[in-house]
Amino acid sequence: MKLDFHTHGKLAKKLPFSRQYTDWLFGEAKNAGLHAICLTEHFNTLQFDELYGYLLERGSREGDTLLLENGLRVFPGMETDIAEGGHILSLGAPEAILELNQRLAPYKMPGHFLPFSRLMDLFSEYEVLVGAAHPYREGGHIPELPERELARLHFLDLNGKDVAEDRERAERLTFALGERLEKPVVSGSDTHQAVQYGCVYTEFEQDLRTIAGLYREMQAGRYRITVSDQAAFQVKTAGILKRALKEIHALGGDYVQVLLSDGKEKDGPSFSERIAVHYQTTVIDYSPQADRMAQKLAQAANEMAWKGYELISVTATPSAKAILVFRRKSLG
């Protein structure tokens, strides 16, 4: 069973929940070769209850999981901020996750997050697995917590985004912490955007359906972590597309329509095929001189216009490059 331990069902936590977008995400997870995902949605995301209500409506209950129509298995969960800085993953039955989310309602705003010890006290009342999400990401302080508190964790997250940015550092630090705490290290992509699926995943020998069974196999070490050779490219591309889609939303457009308006239904092409048709990203070197940079930007934009694409965003990078994102004009 190929399982992604850290995924999201929305493009961003402040955007409205979209059934179409969530259906698309889970379809692409299946197309990426995954058999199961842990849906670790942000605990303070907009419409958390509606997202899970929708999954309960369309999925078949098997053990602690929800089996979707496309065959993808979903382990319910959430990602919770702590006062010290950092994110904590929890996995459990749908009822446990929904009840925990309701009990966390007073602590969802910055300045009101629970400290790690109190959050763990709350989690201890339920049959949930608790893990440290991307423990060494900038801004987090999980590894600095007292070891007696860290011992209460069940697992650590080798995170796809961190692996893509610096694989050697992410693996070295995360596995070292796992050895120190004697906790299993598993992997999750941390995707909000489907290009990122498959950059990392954890493969188990068995097809699991319960939290207890999952933890048993984790403790026994009967799994292996796979990191895609294309992980860095997948994460970078997903980030660019996520920013572009959020910008479309901010400008009053329908980002879901941009993704899905090809006239095809569920049996249409996968997103990896669709993006090749509807989007093209161009990276060009530019000179420090503004006029030469402008000329190169104009040249690239005009060349793409002849091919039927329109420019929707330009980003300058610290490595002296410009990233141009184009959309096929027919998408309107």
C-alpha atoms as a PDB file:
ATOM      1  CA  MET A   1       0.000   0.000   0.000  1.00  0.00           C
ATOM      2  CA  LYS A   2       1.509   3.302  -1.142  1.00  0.00           C
ATOM      3  CA  LEU A   3       0.488   5.906   1.435  1.00  0.00           C
ATOM      4  CA  ASP A   4       1.094   9.660   1.579  1.00  0.00           C
ATOM      5  CA  PHE A   5       1.078  10.672   5.264  1.00  0.00           C
ATOM      6  CA  HIS A   6       0.647  14.438   4.794  1.00  0.00           C
ATOM      7  CA  THR A   7      -1.866  15.876   2.309  1.00  0.00           C
ATOM      8  CA  HIS A   8      -4.515  18.567   2.087  1.00  0.00           C
ATOM      9  CA  GLY A   9      -7.931  18.693   0.453  1.00  0.00           C
ATOM     10  CA  LYS A  10      -7.940  22.410  -0.401  1.00  0.00           C
ATOM     11  CA  LEU A  11      -5.689  24.737  -2.352  1.00  0.00           C
ATOM     12  CA  ALA A  12      -5.286  27.042   0.679  1.00  0.00           C
ATOM     13  CA  LYS A  13      -6.842  27.192   4.120  1.00  0.00           C
ATOM     14  CA  LYS A  14      -8.351  30.673   3.639  1.00  0.00           C
ATOM     15  CA  LEU A  15     -10.067  29.748   0.359  1.00  0.00           C
ATOM     16  CA  PRO A  16     -13.618  28.334   0.268  1.00  0.00           C
ATOM     17  CA  PHE A  17     -14.072  24.573   0.158  1.00  0.00           C
ATOM     18  CA  SER A  18     -14.737  23.300  -3.372  1.00  0.00           C
ATOM     19  CA  ARG A  19     -16.154  19.837  -4.017  1.00  0.00           C
ATOM     20  CA  GLN A  20     -14.822  19.971  -7.575  1.00  0.00           C
ATOM     21  CA  TYR A  21     -11.301  20.840  -6.463  1.00  0.00           C
ATOM     22  CA  THR A  22     -11.272  18.129  -3.792  1.00  0.00           C
ATOM     23  CA  ASP A  23     -12.581  15.531  -6.270  1.00  0.00           C
ATOM     24  CA  TRP A  24      -9.873  16.587  -8.694  1.00  0.00           C
ATOM     25  CA  LEU A  25      -7.154  16.338  -6.037  1.00  0.00           C
ATOM     26  CA  PHE A  26      -8.159  12.833  -4.991  1.00  0.00           C
ATOM     27  CA  GLY A  27      -8.437  11.716  -8.598  1.00  0.00           C
ATOM     28  CA  GLU A  28      -4.914  12.944  -9.235  1.00  0.00           C
ATOM     29  CA  ALA A  29      -3.645  11.185  -6.091  1.00  0.00           C
ATOM     30  CA  LYS A  30      -4.940   7.934  -7.555  1.00  0.00           C
ATOM     31  CA  ASN A  31      -3.450   8.751 -10.966  1.00  0.00           C
ATOM     32  CA  ALA A  32      -0.093   9.347  -9.273  1.00  0.00           C
ATOM     33  CA  GLY A  33      -0.058   5.715  -8.128  1.00  0.00           C
ATOM     34  CA  LEU A  34      -1.070   6.229  -4.511  1.00  0.00           C
ATOM     35  CA  HIS A  35      -3.362   3.693  -2.854  1.00  0.00           C
ATOM     36  CA  ALA A  36      -4.098   5.796   0.226  1.00  0.00           C
ATOM     37  CA  ILE A  37      -3.571   9.244   1.734  1.00  0.00           C
ATOM     38  CA  CYS A  38      -3.728  10.753   5.189  1.00  0.00           C
ATOM     39  CA  LEU A  39      -5.882  13.855   4.853  1.00  0.00           C
ATOM     40  CA  THR A  40      -4.124  16.112   7.364  1.00  0.00           C
ATOM     41  CA  GLU A  41      -6.111  19.266   6.630  1.00  0.00           C
ATOM     42  CA  HIS A  42      -5.223  22.394   8.631  1.00  0.00           C
ATOM     43  CA  PHE A  43      -7.282  22.458  11.829  1.00  0.00           C
ATOM     44  CA  ASN A  44      -8.178  26.112  11.223  1.00  0.00           C
ATOM     45  CA  THR A  45      -8.942  25.824   7.526  1.00  0.00           C
ATOM     46  CA  LEU A  46     -12.141  27.423   6.276  1.00  0.00           C
ATOM     47  CA  GLN A  47     -15.040  24.907   6.209  1.00  0.00           C
ATOM     48  CA  PHE A  48     -13.149  22.029   7.835  1.00  0.00           C
ATOM     49  CA  ASP A  49     -16.454  20.355   8.805  1.00  0.00           C
ATOM     50  CA  GLU A  50     -17.868  20.681   5.292  1.00  0.00           C
ATOM     51  CA  LEU A  51     -14.825  19.030   3.760  1.00  0.00           C
ATOM     52  CA  TYR A  52     -15.157  16.008   6.042  1.00  0.00           C
ATOM     53  CA  GLY A  53     -18.928  15.978   5.723  1.00  0.00           C
ATOM     54  CA  TYR A  54     -18.530  15.677   1.987  1.00  0.00           C
ATOM     55  CA  LEU A  55     -16.067  12.801   2.314  1.00  0.00           C
ATOM     56  CA  LEU A  56     -18.356  10.962   4.714  1.00  0.00           C
ATOM     57  CA  GLU A  57     -21.167  11.425   2.210  1.00  0.00           C
ATOM     58  CA  ARG A  58     -19.306  10.031  -0.786  1.00  0.00           C
ATOM     59  CA  GLY A  59     -16.938   7.508   0.803  1.00  0.00           C
ATOM     60  CA  SER A  60     -17.577   3.996   2.116  1.00  0.00           C
ATOM     61  CA  ARG A  61     -16.488   3.371   5.685  1.00  0.00           C
ATOM     62  CA  GLU A  62     -13.877   0.609   6.075  1.00  0.00           C
ATOM     63  CA  GLY A  63     -12.376   0.406   9.554  1.00  0.00           C
ATOM     64  CA  ASP A  64     -11.134   3.895  10.415  1.00  0.00           C
ATOM     65  CA  THR A  65     -10.811   4.874   6.754  1.00  0.00           C
ATOM     66  CA  LEU A  66     -13.039   6.147   3.979  1.00  0.00           C
ATOM     67  CA  LEU A  67     -12.801   4.344   0.638  1.00  0.00           C
ATOM     68  CA  LEU A  68     -13.658   6.669  -2.248  1.00  0.00           C
ATOM     69  CA  GLU A  69     -15.351   5.661  -5.485  1.00  0.00           C
ATOM     70  CA  ASN A  70     -12.055   5.797  -7.389  1.00  0.00           C
ATOM     71  CA  GLY A  71     -10.473   3.289  -4.981  1.00  0.00           C
ATOM     72  CA  LEU A  72      -8.391   5.802  -3.037  1.00  0.00           C
ATOM     73  CA  ARG A  73      -8.386   5.150   0.724  1.00  0.00           C
ATOM     74  CA  VAL A  74      -8.450   8.165   3.062  1.00  0.00           C
ATOM     75  CA  PHE A  75      -7.126   8.084   6.630  1.00  0.00           C
ATOM     76  CA  PRO A  76      -8.766  11.122   8.312  1.00  0.00           C
ATOM     77  CA  GLY A  77      -6.529  13.569  10.132  1.00  0.00           C
ATOM     78  CA  MET A  78      -5.589  17.187  10.673  1.00  0.00           C
ATOM     79  CA  GLU A  79      -2.591  19.471  11.101  1.00  0.00           C
ATOM     80  CA  THR A  80      -2.553  21.639  14.230  1.00  0.00           C
ATOM     81  CA  ASP A  81      -0.396  24.654  15.101  1.00  0.00           C
ATOM     82  CA  ILE A  82       1.229  24.801  18.545  1.00  0.00           C
ATOM     83  CA  ALA A  83       2.121  27.862  20.605  1.00  0.00           C
ATOM     84  CA  GLU A  84       5.851  27.104  20.556  1.00  0.00           C
ATOM     85  CA  GLY A  85       5.920  27.182  16.753  1.00  0.00           C
ATOM     86  CA  GLY A  86       5.437  24.134  14.578  1.00  0.00           C
ATOM     87  CA  HIS A  87       2.741  21.798  13.313  1.00  0.00           C
ATOM     88  CA  ILE A  88       1.435  18.542  14.749  1.00  0.00           C
ATOM     89  CA  LEU A  89      -0.285  15.831  12.681  1.00  0.00           C
ATOM     90  CA  SER A  90      -3.035  13.643  14.107  1.00  0.00           C
ATOM     91  CA  LEU A  91      -4.672  10.608  12.470  1.00  0.00           C
ATOM     92  CA  GLY A  92      -7.809   8.833  13.627  1.00  0.00           C
ATOM     93  CA  ALA A  93     -11.333   7.764  12.846  1.00  0.00           C
ATOM     94  CA  PRO A  94     -13.507  10.474  11.247  1.00  0.00           C
ATOM     95  CA  GLU A  95     -15.559  10.957  14.426  1.00  0.00           C
ATOM     96  CA  ALA A  96     -12.443  11.481  16.542  1.00  0.00           C
ATOM     97  CA  ILE A  97     -10.942  14.017  14.150  1.00  0.00           C
ATOM     98  CA  LEU A  98     -14.198  15.984  13.847  1.00  0.00           C
ATOM     99  CA  GLU A  99     -14.719  16.054  17.618  1.00  0.00           C
ATOM    100  CA  LEU A 100     -11.130  17.097  18.238  1.00  0.00           C
ATOM    101  CA  ASN A 101     -11.479  19.872  15.704  1.00  0.00           C
ATOM    102  CA  GLN A 102     -14.575  21.188  17.496  1.00  0.00           C
ATOM    103  CA  ARG A 103     -12.799  21.108  20.847  1.00  0.00           C
ATOM    104  CA  LEU A 104      -9.925  23.091  19.331  1.00  0.00           C
ATOM    105  CA  ALA A 105     -12.269  25.875  18.197  1.00  0.00           C
ATOM    106  CA  PRO A 106     -11.086  28.380  20.877  1.00  0.00           C
ATOM    107  CA  TYR A 107      -7.445  27.830  19.894  1.00  0.00           C
ATOM    108  CA  LYS A 108      -7.460  28.349  16.128  1.00  0.00           C
ATOM    109  CA  MET A 109      -6.162  31.907  15.925  1.00  0.00           C
ATOM    110  CA  PRO A 110      -2.499  32.981  16.225  1.00  0.00           C
ATOM    111  CA  GLY A 111      -1.830  33.963  19.807  1.00  0.00           C
ATOM    112  CA  HIS A 112      -4.296  31.357  21.042  1.00  0.00           C
ATOM    113  CA  PHE A 113      -2.653  28.123  19.854  1.00  0.00           C
ATOM    114  CA  LEU A 114      -2.312  25.459  22.534  1.00  0.00           C
ATOM    115  CA  PRO A 115       1.177  24.622  23.788  1.00  0.00           C
ATOM    116  CA  PHE A 116       2.427  21.179  22.807  1.00  0.00           C
ATOM    117  CA  SER A 117       1.878  19.576  26.222  1.00  0.00           C
ATOM    118  CA  ARG A 118      -1.764  20.673  26.438  1.00  0.00           C
ATOM    119  CA  LEU A 119      -2.446  19.588  22.879  1.00  0.00           C
ATOM    120  CA  MET A 120      -0.992  16.172  23.643  1.00  0.00           C
ATOM    121  CA  ASP A 121      -3.162  15.960  26.763  1.00  0.00           C
ATOM    122  CA  LEU A 122      -6.193  16.529  24.543  1.00  0.00           C
ATOM    123  CA  PHE A 123      -5.078  13.994  21.939  1.00  0.00           C
ATOM    124  CA  SER A 124      -4.476  11.399  24.669  1.00  0.00           C
ATOM    125  CA  GLU A 125      -8.236  11.226  25.230  1.00  0.00           C
ATOM    126  CA  TYR A 126      -8.707   9.723  21.762  1.00  0.00           C
ATOM    127  CA  GLU A 127      -7.359   6.815  19.743  1.00  0.00           C
ATOM    128  CA  VAL A 128      -5.233   8.914  17.427  1.00  0.00           C
ATOM    129  CA  LEU A 129      -1.684   8.735  16.111  1.00  0.00           C
ATOM    130  CA  VAL A 130       0.266  11.945  16.619  1.00  0.00           C
ATOM    131  CA  GLY A 131       3.297  13.026  14.613  1.00  0.00           C
ATOM    132  CA  ALA A 132       5.622  15.993  14.234  1.00  0.00           C
ATOM    133  CA  ALA A 133       5.108  17.605  10.835  1.00  0.00           C
ATOM    134  CA  HIS A 134       8.280  18.795   9.057  1.00  0.00           C
ATOM    135  CA  PRO A 135      10.078  19.210  12.416  1.00  0.00           C
ATOM    136  CA  TYR A 136      13.050  21.129  11.020  1.00  0.00           C
ATOM    137  CA  ARG A 137      11.224  23.621   8.831  1.00  0.00           C
ATOM    138  CA  GLU A 138      12.118  27.255   9.446  1.00  0.00           C
ATOM    139  CA  GLY A 139       9.913  28.862  12.093  1.00  0.00           C
ATOM    140  CA  GLY A 140       9.235  25.628  13.949  1.00  0.00           C
ATOM    141  CA  HIS A 141      10.689  24.674  17.308  1.00  0.00           C
ATOM    142  CA  ILE A 142       9.536  21.095  17.819  1.00  0.00           C
ATOM    143  CA  PRO A 143      13.040  19.585  18.228  1.00  0.00           C
ATOM    144  CA  GLU A 144      13.713  22.103  21.037  1.00  0.00           C
ATOM    145  CA  LEU A 145      10.832  20.821  23.178  1.00  0.00           C
ATOM    146  CA  PRO A 146      11.662  18.768  26.291  1.00  0.00           C
ATOM    147  CA  GLU A 147      12.475  15.186  25.399  1.00  0.00           C
ATOM    148  CA  ARG A 148       9.921  13.857  27.878  1.00  0.00           C
ATOM    149  CA  GLU A 149       7.249  15.700  25.880  1.00  0.00           C
ATOM    150  CA  LEU A 150       8.586  14.604  22.490  1.00  0.00           C
ATOM    151  CA  ALA A 151       8.434  11.015  23.730  1.00  0.00           C
ATOM    152  CA  ARG A 152       4.637  11.296  23.549  1.00  0.00           C
ATOM    153  CA  LEU A 153       4.758  11.469  19.738  1.00  0.00           C
ATOM    154  CA  HIS A 154       4.055   8.372  17.656  1.00  0.00           C
ATOM    155  CA  PHE A 155       5.946   9.307  14.466  1.00  0.00           C
ATOM    156  CA  LEU A 156       7.924  11.958  12.581  1.00  0.00           C
ATOM    157  CA  ASP A 157       7.172  13.381   9.127  1.00  0.00           C
ATOM    158  CA  LEU A 158       9.906  13.327   6.469  1.00  0.00           C
ATOM    159  CA  ASN A 159       8.262  16.075   4.462  1.00  0.00           C
ATOM    160  CA  GLY A 160       8.241  16.268   0.683  1.00  0.00           C
ATOM    161  CA  LYS A 161       8.669  20.024   0.555  1.00  0.00           C
ATOM    162  CA  ASP A 162      11.705  19.899   2.830  1.00  0.00           C
ATOM    163  CA  VAL A 163      13.204  16.959   0.924  1.00  0.00           C
ATOM    164  CA  ALA A 164      12.805  18.889  -2.337  1.00  0.00           C
ATOM    165  CA  GLU A 165      14.579  21.945  -0.928  1.00  0.00           C
ATOM    166  CA  ASP A 166      17.476  20.089   0.720  1.00  0.00           C
ATOM    167  CA  ARG A 167      17.171  16.319   0.769  1.00  0.00           C
ATOM    168  CA  GLU A 168      20.437  15.633   2.606  1.00  0.00           C
ATOM    169  CA  ARG A 169      19.573  18.004   5.455  1.00  0.00           C
ATOM    170  CA  ALA A 170      15.944  16.868   5.760  1.00  0.00           C
ATOM    171  CA  GLU A 171      16.858  13.186   5.885  1.00  0.00           C
ATOM    172  CA  ARG A 172      19.854  13.619   8.177  1.00  0.00           C
ATOM    173  CA  LEU A 173      18.040  15.697  10.789  1.00  0.00           C
ATOM    174  CA  THR A 174      14.695  13.902  10.705  1.00  0.00           C
ATOM    175  CA  PHE A 175      16.141  10.386  10.898  1.00  0.00           C
ATOM    176  CA  ALA A 176      18.540  11.458  13.658  1.00  0.00           C
ATOM    177  CA  LEU A 177      15.626  12.780  15.705  1.00  0.00           C
ATOM    178  CA  GLY A 178      13.718   9.573  15.043  1.00  0.00           C
ATOM    179  CA  GLU A 179      16.631   7.483  16.299  1.00  0.00           C
ATOM    180  CA  ARG A 180      17.034   9.668  19.385  1.00  0.00           C
ATOM    181  CA  LEU A 181      13.347   9.396  20.282  1.00  0.00           C
ATOM    182  CA  GLU A 182      12.994   5.820  18.980  1.00  0.00           C
ATOM    183  CA  LYS A 183      10.086   6.897  16.806  1.00  0.00           C
ATOM    184  CA  PRO A 184       9.320   5.752  13.232  1.00  0.00           C
ATOM    185  CA  VAL A 185       9.904   8.223  10.410  1.00  0.00           C
ATOM    186  CA  VAL A 186       7.350   8.157   7.583  1.00  0.00           C
ATOM    187  CA  SER A 187       6.898  10.454   4.600  1.00  0.00           C
ATOM    188  CA  GLY A 188       4.250  12.807   3.276  1.00  0.00           C
ATOM    189  CA  SER A 189       4.204  15.169   0.314  1.00  0.00           C
ATOM    190  CA  ASP A 190       2.447  18.086   2.093  1.00  0.00           C
ATOM    191  CA  THR A 191       0.591  18.743  -1.136  1.00  0.00           C
ATOM    192  CA  HIS A 192      -2.196  21.297  -1.592  1.00  0.00           C
ATOM    193  CA  GLN A 193      -1.745  21.063  -5.347  1.00  0.00           C
ATOM    194  CA  ALA A 194      -1.756  17.790  -7.263  1.00  0.00           C
ATOM    195  CA  VAL A 195       1.565  18.112  -9.080  1.00  0.00           C
ATOM    196  CA  GLN A 196       3.228  17.319  -5.741  1.00  0.00           C
ATOM    197  CA  TYR A 197       1.646  13.866  -5.282  1.00  0.00           C
ATOM    198  CA  GLY A 198       4.229  11.108  -5.509  1.00  0.00           C
ATOM    199  CA  CYS A 199       7.268  13.252  -4.704  1.00  0.00           C
ATOM    200  CA  VAL A 200       7.581  11.102  -1.559  1.00  0.00           C
ATOM    201  CA  TYR A 201       5.455   8.277  -0.190  1.00  0.00           C
ATOM    202  CA  THR A 202       5.564   5.417   2.309  1.00  0.00           C
ATOM    203  CA  GLU A 203       4.916   1.899   1.043  1.00  0.00           C
ATOM    204  CA  PHE A 204       3.577  -0.759   3.419  1.00  0.00           C
ATOM    205  CA  GLU A 205       3.522  -4.508   2.841  1.00  0.00           C
ATOM    206  CA  GLN A 206      -0.169  -4.724   3.757  1.00  0.00           C
ATOM    207  CA  ASP A 207      -3.362  -2.912   2.767  1.00  0.00           C
ATOM    208  CA  LEU A 208      -4.297  -1.243   6.070  1.00  0.00           C
ATOM    209  CA  ARG A 209      -7.675   0.058   7.216  1.00  0.00           C
ATOM    210  CA  THR A 210      -7.311   0.904  10.904  1.00  0.00           C
ATOM    211  CA  ILE A 211      -5.225   3.304  12.949  1.00  0.00           C
ATOM    212  CA  ALA A 212      -4.131   0.457  15.237  1.00  0.00           C
ATOM    213  CA  GLY A 213      -3.015  -1.634  12.282  1.00  0.00           C
ATOM    214  CA  LEU A 214      -1.180   1.275  10.732  1.00  0.00           C
ATOM    215  CA  TYR A 215       0.705   1.963  13.957  1.00  0.00           C
ATOM    216  CA  ARG A 216       1.584  -1.708  14.368  1.00  0.00           C
ATOM    217  CA  GLU A 217       3.221  -1.790  10.943  1.00  0.00           C
ATOM    218  CA  MET A 218       4.997   1.512  11.580  1.00  0.00           C
ATOM    219  CA  GLN A 219       6.471   0.243  14.835  1.00  0.00           C
ATOM    220  CA  ALA A 220       7.546  -3.014  13.198  1.00  0.00           C
ATOM    221  CA  GLY A 221       9.283  -1.092  10.415  1.00  0.00           C
ATOM    222  CA  ARG A 222       7.438  -3.007   7.716  1.00  0.00           C
ATOM    223  CA  TYR A 223       7.506  -0.147   5.241  1.00  0.00           C
ATOM    224  CA  ARG A 224       9.901   1.770   3.027  1.00  0.00           C
ATOM    225  CA  ILE A 225      10.116   5.404   1.986  1.00  0.00           C
ATOM    226  CA  THR A 226      10.454   6.348  -1.681  1.00  0.00           C
ATOM    227  CA  VAL A 227      11.643   9.764  -2.861  1.00  0.00           C
ATOM    228  CA  SER A 228      10.997  10.590  -6.499  1.00  0.00           C
ATOM    229  CA  ASP A 229      13.927  11.667  -8.668  1.00  0.00           C
ATOM    230  CA  GLN A 230      11.648  14.514  -9.765  1.00  0.00           C
ATOM    231  CA  ALA A 231      10.717  15.631  -6.235  1.00  0.00           C
ATOM    232  CA  ALA A 232      12.412  19.047  -6.472  1.00  0.00           C
ATOM    233  CA  PHE A 233      10.768  19.765  -9.834  1.00  0.00           C
ATOM    234  CA  GLN A 234       7.344  18.591  -8.629  1.00  0.00           C
ATOM    235  CA  VAL A 235       7.398  20.757  -5.502  1.00  0.00           C
ATOM    236  CA  LYS A 236       8.685  23.824  -7.355  1.00  0.00           C
ATOM    237  CA  THR A 237       6.109  23.451 -10.134  1.00  0.00           C
ATOM    238  CA  ALA A 238       3.301  22.895  -7.623  1.00  0.00           C
ATOM    239  CA  GLY A 239       4.326  26.059  -5.782  1.00  0.00           C
ATOM    240  CA  ILE A 240       4.299  28.142  -8.957  1.00  0.00           C
ATOM    241  CA  LEU A 241       0.894  26.831 -10.000  1.00  0.00           C
ATOM    242  CA  LYS A 242      -0.534  27.291  -6.498  1.00  0.00           C
ATOM    243  CA  ARG A 243       0.504  30.950  -6.493  1.00  0.00           C
ATOM    244  CA  ALA A 244      -0.998  31.438  -9.954  1.00  0.00           C
ATOM    245  CA  LEU A 245      -4.322  29.841  -8.970  1.00  0.00           C
ATOM    246  CA  LYS A 246      -4.523  31.891  -5.752  1.00  0.00           C
ATOM    247  CA  GLU A 247      -3.887  35.015  -7.804  1.00  0.00           C
ATOM    248  CA  ILE A 248      -6.726  34.070 -10.147  1.00  0.00           C
ATOM    249  CA  HIS A 249      -9.005  33.755  -7.095  1.00  0.00           C
ATOM    250  CA  ALA A 250      -7.792  37.078  -5.656  1.00  0.00           C
ATOM    251  CA  LEU A 251      -8.630  38.788  -8.941  1.00  0.00           C
ATOM    252  CA  GLY A 252     -12.174  37.427  -8.823  1.00  0.00           C
ATOM    253  CA  GLY A 253     -11.656  34.500 -11.203  1.00  0.00           C
ATOM    254  CA  ASP A 254     -12.657  30.862 -10.780  1.00  0.00           C
ATOM    255  CA  TYR A 255      -9.427  28.899 -10.324  1.00  0.00           C
ATOM    256  CA  VAL A 256     -11.325  25.599 -10.304  1.00  0.00           C
ATOM    257  CA  GLN A 257     -12.802  26.401 -13.703  1.00  0.00           C
ATOM    258  CA  VAL A 258      -9.321  27.154 -15.003  1.00  0.00           C
ATOM    259  CA  LEU A 259      -8.237  23.655 -14.039  1.00  0.00           C
ATOM    260  CA  LEU A 260     -11.296  21.754 -15.197  1.00  0.00           C
ATOM    261  CA  SER A 261     -12.811  23.639 -18.127  1.00  0.00           C
ATOM    262  CA  ASP A 262     -11.657  21.309 -20.895  1.00  0.00           C
ATOM    263  CA  GLY A 263     -15.055  19.755 -21.535  1.00  0.00           C
ATOM    264  CA  LYS A 264     -13.959  16.438 -20.056  1.00  0.00           C
ATOM    265  CA  GLU A 265     -15.554  14.654 -17.097  1.00  0.00           C
ATOM    266  CA  LYS A 266     -14.086  12.124 -14.653  1.00  0.00           C
ATOM    267  CA  ASP A 267     -12.722   9.883 -17.393  1.00  0.00           C
ATOM    268  CA  GLY A 268     -10.824  12.770 -18.999  1.00  0.00           C
ATOM    269  CA  PRO A 269      -7.051  13.273 -18.974  1.00  0.00           C
ATOM    270  CA  SER A 270      -5.092  13.455 -15.725  1.00  0.00           C
ATOM    271  CA  PHE A 271      -3.746  16.770 -14.513  1.00  0.00           C
ATOM    272  CA  SER A 272      -0.227  15.931 -15.631  1.00  0.00           C
ATOM    273  CA  GLU A 273      -1.636  15.576 -19.155  1.00  0.00           C
ATOM    274  CA  ARG A 274      -3.914  18.577 -18.807  1.00  0.00           C
ATOM    275  CA  ILE A 275      -1.199  20.939 -17.639  1.00  0.00           C
ATOM    276  CA  ALA A 276       0.851  20.101 -20.708  1.00  0.00           C
ATOM    277  CA  VAL A 277      -2.062  21.315 -22.831  1.00  0.00           C
ATOM    278  CA  HIS A 278      -3.255  24.360 -20.899  1.00  0.00           C
ATOM    279  CA  TYR A 279      -0.164  25.763 -19.180  1.00  0.00           C
ATOM    280  CA  GLN A 280       3.413  26.362 -19.995  1.00  0.00           C
ATOM    281  CA  THR A 281       6.042  27.803 -17.663  1.00  0.00           C
ATOM    282  CA  THR A 282       9.063  29.568 -19.166  1.00  0.00           C
ATOM    283  CA  VAL A 283      12.228  30.387 -17.191  1.00  0.00           C
ATOM    284  CA  ILE A 284      14.603  32.881 -18.800  1.00  0.00           C
ATOM    285  CA  ASP A 285      17.899  34.396 -17.707  1.00  0.00           C
ATOM    286  CA  TYR A 286      17.871  38.141 -17.411  1.00  0.00           C
ATOM    287  CA  SER A 287      20.486  40.830 -17.263  1.00  0.00           C
ATOM    288  CA  PRO A 288      20.756  43.288 -14.381  1.00  0.00           C
ATOM    289  CA  GLN A 289      20.019  46.034 -16.908  1.00  0.00           C
ATOM    290  CA  ALA A 290      16.286  46.704 -16.827  1.00  0.00           C
ATOM    291  CA  ASP A 291      15.987  47.397 -20.552  1.00  0.00           C
ATOM    292  CA  ARG A 292      17.560  44.082 -21.549  1.00  0.00           C
ATOM    293  CA  MET A 293      15.378  42.262 -19.047  1.00  0.00           C
ATOM    294  CA  ALA A 294      12.277  43.941 -20.448  1.00  0.00           C
ATOM    295  CA  GLN A 295      13.273  42.986 -23.993  1.00  0.00           C
ATOM    296  CA  LYS A 296      13.699  39.330 -23.035  1.00  0.00           C
ATOM    297  CA  LEU A 297      10.368  39.286 -21.197  1.00  0.00           C
ATOM    298  CA  ALA A 298       8.601  40.841 -24.183  1.00  0.00           C
ATOM    299  CA  GLN A 299      10.242  38.397 -26.580  1.00  0.00           C
ATOM    300  CA  ALA A 300       9.203  35.389 -24.510  1.00  0.00           C
ATOM    301  CA  ALA A 301       5.642  36.684 -24.082  1.00  0.00           C
ATOM    302  CA  ASN A 302       5.266  37.405 -27.793  1.00  0.00           C
ATOM    303  CA  GLU A 303       6.585  33.987 -28.783  1.00  0.00           C
ATOM    304  CA  MET A 304       4.090  32.306 -26.472  1.00  0.00           C
ATOM    305  CA  ALA A 305       1.265  34.535 -27.736  1.00  0.00           C
ATOM    306  CA  TRP A 306       1.845  33.219 -31.251  1.00  0.00           C
ATOM    307  CA  LYS A 307       1.413  29.709 -29.822  1.00  0.00           C
ATOM    308  CA  GLY A 308      -1.965  30.611 -28.294  1.00  0.00           C
ATOM    309  CA  TYR A 309      -0.905  31.342 -24.701  1.00  0.00           C
ATOM    310  CA  GLU A 310      -1.404  34.449 -22.590  1.00  0.00           C
ATOM    311  CA  LEU A 311       0.866  35.624 -19.799  1.00  0.00           C
ATOM    312  CA  ILE A 312      -0.741  35.453 -16.312  1.00  0.00           C
ATOM    313  CA  SER A 313       2.203  35.980 -13.942  1.00  0.00           C
ATOM    314  CA  VAL A 314       5.883  36.891 -13.795  1.00  0.00           C
ATOM    315  CA  THR A 315       8.191  36.103 -10.862  1.00  0.00           C
ATOM    316  CA  ALA A 316      11.822  37.198 -10.468  1.00  0.00           C
ATOM    317  CA  THR A 317      13.990  34.745  -8.535  1.00  0.00           C
ATOM    318  CA  PRO A 318      17.124  35.381  -6.433  1.00  0.00           C
ATOM    319  CA  SER A 319      19.139  33.305  -8.934  1.00  0.00           C
ATOM    320  CA  ALA A 320      18.731  35.971 -11.619  1.00  0.00           C
ATOM    321  CA  LYS A 321      15.940  34.305 -13.530  1.00  0.00           C
ATOM    322  CA  ALA A 322      12.363  35.220 -14.371  1.00  0.00           C
ATOM    323  CA  ILE A 323       9.556  32.673 -14.226  1.00  0.00           C
ATOM    324  CA  LEU A 324       6.699  33.312 -16.651  1.00  0.00           C
ATOM    325  CA  VAL A 325       3.435  31.364 -16.260  1.00  0.00           C
ATOM    326  CA  PHE A 326       1.175  31.181 -19.327  1.00  0.00           C
ATOM    327  CA  ARG A 327      -2.401  30.009 -19.856  1.00  0.00           C
ATOM    328  CA  ARG A 328      -3.993  28.836 -23.086  1.00  0.00           C
ATOM    329  CA  LYS A 329      -6.227  31.659 -24.291  1.00  0.00           C
ATOM    330  CA  SER A 330      -9.169  29.332 -24.927  1.00  0.00           C
ATOM    331  CA  LEU A 331      -9.617  28.952 -21.167  1.00  0.00           C
ATOM    332  CA  GLY A 332     -10.691  32.561 -20.938  1.00  0.00           C
END
